[in-house]
Amino acid sequence: MFLSIGYSTCHWCHVMAHESFEDEETAKIINKHYIAVKVDREERPDVDAVYMEICMAMNKNGGWPLTVIMTPEQKPFFAATYLPKKSRFGLQGLDDLLTKIA
C-alpha cells in the first residue's frame, strides 16, 4: 500500500503531486504494484496523527507530504516526507524507491 498524506496549502505536497503523481511513468509504477491512498490531513487529522507518529518513530522527524509504504497487511515499513521523482542531491527518488520495493 502506498499512502500519501498532505493538505491543500502545502507547497511540497503540490511539488510532489506535479512531479510524481501526475507523471505517467510514476503512475504506472504505483498502479501496477501498490494500492494508492491519498489523504487530506485537514479532513482526516486522525489518520494523519497515526501515520505521523509512525514517521516520527522511524525517522525522528516528520512533515508533509507524508509518504508511507506498507505491507498488504497494512504494516508500515517505510516513511518519509517529500521525495523527488528521481534521485538527486542525496535524496532517494520516488521512482527508484518504488521500483526497488516492488
N, C-alpha and C. Protein backbone atom coordinates (compact mmCIF):
# COMPACT_ATOMS: atom_id res chain seq x y z
N MET A 1 0.85 -1.17 0.00
CA MET A 1 0.00 0.00 0.00
C MET A 1 0.90 1.24 0.00
N PHE A 2 0.52 2.21 -0.80
CA PHE A 2 1.22 3.49 -0.89
C PHE A 2 0.28 4.56 -0.34
N LEU A 3 0.67 5.20 0.75
CA LEU A 3 -0.15 6.22 1.40
C LEU A 3 0.56 7.57 1.31
N SER A 4 -0.17 8.57 0.83
CA SER A 4 0.35 9.94 0.80
C SER A 4 -0.62 10.83 1.55
N ILE A 5 -0.08 11.56 2.53
CA ILE A 5 -0.89 12.48 3.33
C ILE A 5 -0.37 13.89 3.12
N GLY A 6 -1.27 14.81 2.83
CA GLY A 6 -0.88 16.20 2.63
C GLY A 6 -2.05 17.12 2.89
N TYR A 7 -1.94 18.34 2.40
CA TYR A 7 -3.03 19.31 2.55
C TYR A 7 -2.92 20.36 1.46
N SER A 8 -3.99 21.08 1.24
CA SER A 8 -4.12 21.93 0.05
C SER A 8 -3.15 23.10 -0.02
N THR A 9 -2.70 23.63 1.10
CA THR A 9 -1.80 24.79 1.07
C THR A 9 -0.33 24.41 1.28
N CYS A 10 -0.02 23.14 1.21
CA CYS A 10 1.34 22.64 1.41
C CYS A 10 2.13 22.73 0.10
N HIS A 11 3.16 23.56 0.07
CA HIS A 11 3.96 23.74 -1.15
C HIS A 11 4.55 22.42 -1.63
N TRP A 12 5.23 21.69 -0.75
CA TRP A 12 5.90 20.45 -1.18
C TRP A 12 4.92 19.36 -1.55
N CYS A 13 3.70 19.41 -1.02
CA CYS A 13 2.66 18.47 -1.45
C CYS A 13 2.33 18.71 -2.92
N HIS A 14 2.22 19.98 -3.30
CA HIS A 14 1.94 20.33 -4.70
C HIS A 14 3.10 19.96 -5.61
N VAL A 15 4.32 20.19 -5.14
CA VAL A 15 5.50 19.83 -5.94
C VAL A 15 5.53 18.33 -6.19
N MET A 16 5.33 17.54 -5.14
CA MET A 16 5.36 16.08 -5.29
C MET A 16 4.21 15.60 -6.17
N ALA A 17 3.05 16.19 -6.02
CA ALA A 17 1.91 15.81 -6.86
C ALA A 17 2.22 16.07 -8.32
N HIS A 18 2.78 17.23 -8.62
CA HIS A 18 3.08 17.59 -10.01
C HIS A 18 4.22 16.73 -10.56
N GLU A 19 5.31 16.59 -9.80
CA GLU A 19 6.47 15.83 -10.27
C GLU A 19 6.18 14.34 -10.43
N SER A 20 5.46 13.79 -9.49
CA SER A 20 5.33 12.34 -9.43
C SER A 20 3.93 11.81 -9.72
N PHE A 21 2.94 12.28 -8.99
CA PHE A 21 1.61 11.68 -9.12
C PHE A 21 0.95 11.99 -10.46
N GLU A 22 1.29 13.12 -11.07
CA GLU A 22 0.74 13.47 -12.38
C GLU A 22 1.59 12.91 -13.52
N ASP A 23 2.70 12.27 -13.18
CA ASP A 23 3.62 11.73 -14.18
C ASP A 23 3.19 10.32 -14.58
N GLU A 24 3.10 10.07 -15.88
CA GLU A 24 2.62 8.78 -16.38
C GLU A 24 3.51 7.62 -15.94
N GLU A 25 4.82 7.80 -15.98
CA GLU A 25 5.75 6.74 -15.59
C GLU A 25 5.57 6.35 -14.12
N THR A 26 5.51 7.34 -13.25
CA THR A 26 5.33 7.08 -11.82
C THR A 26 3.96 6.49 -11.55
N ALA A 27 2.94 7.00 -12.20
CA ALA A 27 1.58 6.47 -12.03
C ALA A 27 1.53 5.00 -12.41
N LYS A 28 2.21 4.62 -13.47
CA LYS A 28 2.22 3.20 -13.88
C LYS A 28 2.86 2.33 -12.81
N ILE A 29 3.97 2.79 -12.23
CA ILE A 29 4.64 2.02 -11.17
C ILE A 29 3.70 1.86 -9.98
N ILE A 30 3.12 2.96 -9.54
CA ILE A 30 2.23 2.91 -8.37
C ILE A 30 1.02 2.02 -8.66
N ASN A 31 0.37 2.22 -9.79
CA ASN A 31 -0.84 1.46 -10.10
C ASN A 31 -0.58 -0.02 -10.32
N LYS A 32 0.61 -0.37 -10.79
CA LYS A 32 0.93 -1.78 -11.04
C LYS A 32 1.24 -2.53 -9.75
N HIS A 33 1.93 -1.87 -8.82
CA HIS A 33 2.47 -2.59 -7.66
C HIS A 33 1.85 -2.22 -6.32
N TYR A 34 1.02 -1.20 -6.26
CA TYR A 34 0.54 -0.71 -4.97
C TYR A 34 -0.95 -0.38 -5.02
N ILE A 35 -1.55 -0.37 -3.85
CA ILE A 35 -2.86 0.23 -3.67
C ILE A 35 -2.56 1.65 -3.19
N ALA A 36 -2.97 2.63 -3.95
CA ALA A 36 -2.65 4.03 -3.64
C ALA A 36 -3.78 4.67 -2.84
N VAL A 37 -3.41 5.35 -1.76
CA VAL A 37 -4.37 6.06 -0.92
C VAL A 37 -3.84 7.47 -0.69
N LYS A 38 -4.67 8.46 -0.97
CA LYS A 38 -4.32 9.87 -0.77
C LYS A 38 -5.25 10.43 0.30
N VAL A 39 -4.67 11.04 1.34
CA VAL A 39 -5.44 11.55 2.46
C VAL A 39 -5.15 13.03 2.65
N ASP A 40 -6.21 13.82 2.84
CA ASP A 40 -6.07 15.23 3.20
C ASP A 40 -6.02 15.31 4.72
N ARG A 41 -4.91 15.76 5.25
CA ARG A 41 -4.74 15.78 6.71
C ARG A 41 -5.72 16.71 7.40
N GLU A 42 -6.25 17.70 6.68
CA GLU A 42 -7.22 18.60 7.28
C GLU A 42 -8.60 17.95 7.39
N GLU A 43 -8.89 17.03 6.47
CA GLU A 43 -10.16 16.30 6.53
C GLU A 43 -10.08 15.10 7.46
N ARG A 44 -8.89 14.50 7.57
CA ARG A 44 -8.72 13.30 8.41
C ARG A 44 -7.50 13.46 9.32
N PRO A 45 -7.59 14.37 10.30
CA PRO A 45 -6.47 14.55 11.21
C PRO A 45 -6.17 13.30 12.04
N ASP A 46 -7.18 12.45 12.23
CA ASP A 46 -6.97 11.21 12.96
C ASP A 46 -6.03 10.27 12.21
N VAL A 47 -6.22 10.14 10.91
CA VAL A 47 -5.35 9.30 10.08
C VAL A 47 -3.95 9.91 10.04
N ASP A 48 -3.87 11.22 9.85
CA ASP A 48 -2.58 11.90 9.82
C ASP A 48 -1.82 11.67 11.12
N ALA A 49 -2.48 11.77 12.25
CA ALA A 49 -1.82 11.62 13.55
C ALA A 49 -1.20 10.24 13.70
N VAL A 50 -1.91 9.21 13.29
CA VAL A 50 -1.40 7.84 13.40
C VAL A 50 -0.12 7.68 12.58
N TYR A 51 -0.16 8.10 11.32
CA TYR A 51 0.99 7.87 10.45
C TYR A 51 2.12 8.86 10.68
N MET A 52 1.82 10.05 11.19
CA MET A 52 2.89 10.98 11.55
C MET A 52 3.65 10.42 12.76
N GLU A 53 2.95 9.82 13.69
CA GLU A 53 3.61 9.20 14.84
C GLU A 53 4.54 8.08 14.38
N ILE A 54 4.10 7.29 13.41
CA ILE A 54 4.94 6.22 12.86
C ILE A 54 6.16 6.81 12.18
N CYS A 55 5.98 7.85 11.39
CA CYS A 55 7.10 8.50 10.71
C CYS A 55 8.10 9.05 11.73
N MET A 56 7.61 9.68 12.77
CA MET A 56 8.49 10.23 13.81
C MET A 56 9.27 9.11 14.51
N ALA A 57 8.61 7.99 14.76
CA ALA A 57 9.29 6.86 15.41
C ALA A 57 10.37 6.27 14.50
N MET A 58 10.10 6.22 13.20
CA MET A 58 11.06 5.64 12.26
C MET A 58 12.22 6.58 11.94
N ASN A 59 11.93 7.87 11.83
CA ASN A 59 12.92 8.82 11.30
C ASN A 59 13.33 9.94 12.24
N LYS A 60 12.66 10.08 13.36
CA LYS A 60 12.91 11.18 14.30
C LYS A 60 12.55 12.55 13.73
N ASN A 61 11.83 12.57 12.61
CA ASN A 61 11.31 13.82 12.06
C ASN A 61 10.09 13.51 11.21
N GLY A 62 9.37 14.54 10.84
CA GLY A 62 8.17 14.35 10.03
C GLY A 62 7.84 15.63 9.30
N GLY A 63 6.77 15.60 8.55
CA GLY A 63 6.33 16.75 7.79
C GLY A 63 5.44 16.29 6.66
N TRP A 64 5.14 17.21 5.78
CA TRP A 64 4.25 16.90 4.67
C TRP A 64 4.88 17.34 3.36
N PRO A 65 4.63 16.61 2.33
CA PRO A 65 3.78 15.44 2.24
C PRO A 65 4.38 14.27 3.01
N LEU A 66 3.54 13.50 3.62
CA LEU A 66 3.96 12.31 4.35
C LEU A 66 3.72 11.11 3.46
N THR A 67 4.76 10.35 3.21
CA THR A 67 4.69 9.16 2.37
C THR A 67 4.94 7.94 3.23
N VAL A 68 4.02 6.98 3.21
CA VAL A 68 4.16 5.76 3.98
C VAL A 68 3.91 4.58 3.05
N ILE A 69 4.80 3.60 3.09
CA ILE A 69 4.61 2.38 2.31
C ILE A 69 4.42 1.24 3.29
N MET A 70 3.40 0.43 3.02
CA MET A 70 3.01 -0.64 3.94
C MET A 70 2.93 -1.98 3.24
N THR A 71 2.97 -3.03 4.04
CA THR A 71 2.76 -4.38 3.53
C THR A 71 1.28 -4.54 3.19
N PRO A 72 0.91 -5.64 2.52
CA PRO A 72 -0.52 -5.89 2.26
C PRO A 72 -1.34 -5.99 3.56
N GLU A 73 -0.66 -6.30 4.67
CA GLU A 73 -1.34 -6.38 5.98
C GLU A 73 -1.40 -5.01 6.66
N GLN A 74 -1.04 -3.96 5.93
CA GLN A 74 -1.07 -2.57 6.40
C GLN A 74 -0.07 -2.31 7.53
N LYS A 75 1.08 -2.98 7.47
CA LYS A 75 2.15 -2.73 8.44
C LYS A 75 3.18 -1.81 7.77
N PRO A 76 3.34 -0.60 8.28
CA PRO A 76 4.28 0.34 7.67
C PRO A 76 5.73 -0.15 7.81
N PHE A 77 6.49 -0.04 6.72
CA PHE A 77 7.91 -0.37 6.78
C PHE A 77 8.78 0.75 6.19
N PHE A 78 8.16 1.79 5.65
CA PHE A 78 8.90 2.94 5.14
C PHE A 78 8.06 4.18 5.35
N ALA A 79 8.71 5.25 5.80
CA ALA A 79 8.02 6.53 5.95
C ALA A 79 9.01 7.64 5.63
N ALA A 80 8.53 8.66 4.94
CA ALA A 80 9.37 9.80 4.58
C ALA A 80 8.46 10.99 4.30
N THR A 81 9.09 12.14 4.14
CA THR A 81 8.33 13.32 3.73
C THR A 81 8.52 13.47 2.22
N TYR A 82 8.78 14.66 1.74
CA TYR A 82 8.92 14.89 0.30
C TYR A 82 9.99 13.98 -0.31
N LEU A 83 9.64 13.36 -1.43
CA LEU A 83 10.59 12.57 -2.22
C LEU A 83 10.56 13.10 -3.65
N PRO A 84 11.70 13.48 -4.21
CA PRO A 84 11.70 13.91 -5.61
C PRO A 84 11.37 12.72 -6.50
N LYS A 85 10.96 12.97 -7.73
CA LYS A 85 10.65 11.89 -8.66
C LYS A 85 11.88 11.03 -8.91
N LYS A 86 12.99 11.64 -9.20
CA LYS A 86 14.25 10.94 -9.47
C LYS A 86 15.24 11.26 -8.36
N SER A 87 16.12 10.32 -8.05
CA SER A 87 17.15 10.55 -7.03
C SER A 87 18.02 11.74 -7.43
N ARG A 88 18.27 12.62 -6.45
CA ARG A 88 19.12 13.79 -6.69
C ARG A 88 19.49 14.44 -5.36
N PHE A 89 20.62 15.10 -5.36
CA PHE A 89 21.10 15.84 -4.19
C PHE A 89 21.10 14.99 -2.91
N GLY A 90 21.38 13.71 -3.04
CA GLY A 90 21.42 12.82 -1.89
C GLY A 90 20.06 12.32 -1.43
N LEU A 91 19.00 12.73 -2.09
CA LEU A 91 17.66 12.24 -1.75
C LEU A 91 17.29 11.10 -2.68
N GLN A 92 16.78 10.02 -2.10
CA GLN A 92 16.31 8.92 -2.93
C GLN A 92 15.05 9.35 -3.65
N GLY A 93 14.96 9.04 -4.93
CA GLY A 93 13.80 9.40 -5.72
C GLY A 93 12.66 8.41 -5.54
N LEU A 94 11.46 8.90 -5.69
CA LEU A 94 10.27 8.07 -5.53
C LEU A 94 10.26 6.92 -6.52
N ASP A 95 10.57 7.18 -7.79
CA ASP A 95 10.56 6.11 -8.80
C ASP A 95 11.55 5.01 -8.43
N ASP A 96 12.76 5.39 -8.03
CA ASP A 96 13.77 4.40 -7.65
C ASP A 96 13.31 3.59 -6.45
N LEU A 97 12.78 4.26 -5.45
CA LEU A 97 12.31 3.59 -4.24
C LEU A 97 11.19 2.60 -4.55
N LEU A 98 10.18 3.06 -5.28
CA LEU A 98 9.03 2.20 -5.59
C LEU A 98 9.44 0.99 -6.41
N THR A 99 10.36 1.17 -7.34
CA THR A 99 10.82 0.07 -8.18
C THR A 99 11.60 -0.94 -7.34
N LYS A 100 12.44 -0.48 -6.43
CA LYS A 100 13.21 -1.39 -5.56
C LYS A 100 12.29 -2.21 -4.66
N ILE A 101 11.30 -1.56 -4.10
CA ILE A 101 10.41 -2.23 -3.15
C ILE A 101 9.46 -3.19 -3.85
N ALA A 102 8.99 -2.82 -5.04
CA ALA A 102 8.03 -3.66 -5.77
C ALA A 102 8.68 -4.98 -6.06
